[in-house]
Amino acid sequence: MTIQYDHETDSIYLILSDDKVVESEERQEDVIVDYNAKDEVVAIEVLHVKKNEHTIDLPIVLQSA
């Protein structure tokens, strides 16, 4: 797993797999989940990290698209 922070967009990107992203979906406000061709989660992006408080419901976020 790799975690990247982007200062310009104030976002955190959690990379769970090196698989190619084929679909992205906003699963809850400011939380975008990326999926591979097998519909598996490969990354999670959290936007506006410093601006907003986030409570992420991982079971909901990690459900397949």
Protein backbone atom coordinates (compact mmCIF):
# COMPACT_ATOMS: atom_id res chain seq x y z
CA MET A 1 0.00 0.00 0.00
CA THR A 2 1.19 3.50 -0.85
CA ILE A 3 -0.17 6.76 0.52
CA GLN A 4 0.33 10.00 -1.40
CA TYR A 5 -0.64 13.53 -0.37
CA ASP A 6 -1.22 16.24 -2.98
CA HIS A 7 -0.76 19.73 -1.54
CA GLU A 8 -2.34 21.46 -4.54
CA THR A 9 -5.63 19.54 -4.34
CA ASP A 10 -5.45 18.83 -0.58
CA SER A 11 -6.13 15.16 -1.21
CA ILE A 12 -4.82 11.82 -0.01
CA TYR A 13 -4.56 8.89 -2.42
CA LEU A 14 -4.29 5.38 -0.95
CA ILE A 15 -2.99 2.97 -3.56
CA LEU A 16 -3.87 -0.61 -2.66
CA SER A 17 -2.84 -2.33 -5.90
CA ASP A 18 -0.84 -1.64 -9.05
CA ASP A 19 -3.75 -2.83 -11.20
CA LYS A 20 -5.01 -0.50 -13.92
CA VAL A 21 -7.96 1.66 -12.88
CA VAL A 22 -10.92 1.10 -15.22
CA GLU A 23 -13.68 2.78 -13.22
CA SER A 24 -13.99 5.39 -10.48
CA GLU A 25 -16.96 6.15 -8.29
CA GLU A 26 -17.66 8.71 -5.57
CA ARG A 27 -18.89 6.38 -2.79
CA GLN A 28 -19.53 9.18 -0.31
CA GLU A 29 -18.89 12.91 -0.32
CA ASP A 30 -15.22 13.60 -1.13
CA VAL A 31 -14.32 9.88 -1.20
CA ILE A 32 -13.59 8.38 -4.62
CA VAL A 33 -12.92 4.67 -5.07
CA ASP A 34 -11.04 3.29 -8.08
CA TYR A 35 -11.72 -0.23 -9.40
CA ASN A 36 -9.86 -2.62 -11.68
CA ALA A 37 -11.33 -4.80 -14.45
CA LYS A 38 -12.37 -7.43 -11.87
CA ASP A 39 -14.37 -4.79 -9.94
CA GLU A 40 -11.86 -4.87 -7.08
CA VAL A 41 -10.86 -1.75 -5.16
CA VAL A 42 -7.38 -0.62 -6.20
CA ALA A 43 -7.29 2.88 -4.70
CA ILE A 44 -9.18 5.35 -2.52
CA GLU A 45 -8.92 9.12 -2.85
CA VAL A 46 -10.04 11.48 -0.10
CA LEU A 47 -10.53 15.09 -1.21
CA HIS A 48 -10.31 18.29 0.88
CA VAL A 49 -8.45 16.55 3.70
CA LYS A 50 -7.55 19.66 5.68
CA LYS A 51 -10.69 21.62 4.82
CA ASN A 52 -13.29 19.07 5.94
CA GLU A 53 -13.54 16.49 8.67
CA HIS A 54 -14.08 13.04 7.17
CA THR A 55 -15.69 10.00 8.67
CA ILE A 56 -15.21 7.19 6.21
CA ASP A 57 -17.44 4.16 6.46
CA LEU A 58 -15.00 1.59 5.06
CA PRO A 59 -17.50 -1.29 4.67
CA ILE A 60 -19.67 0.97 2.49
CA VAL A 61 -16.73 2.49 0.60
CA LEU A 62 -15.10 -0.87 -0.11
CA GLN A 63 -18.23 -2.53 -1.51
CA SER A 64 -17.95 -3.37 -5.19
CA ALA A 65 -19.45 -0.94 -7.67
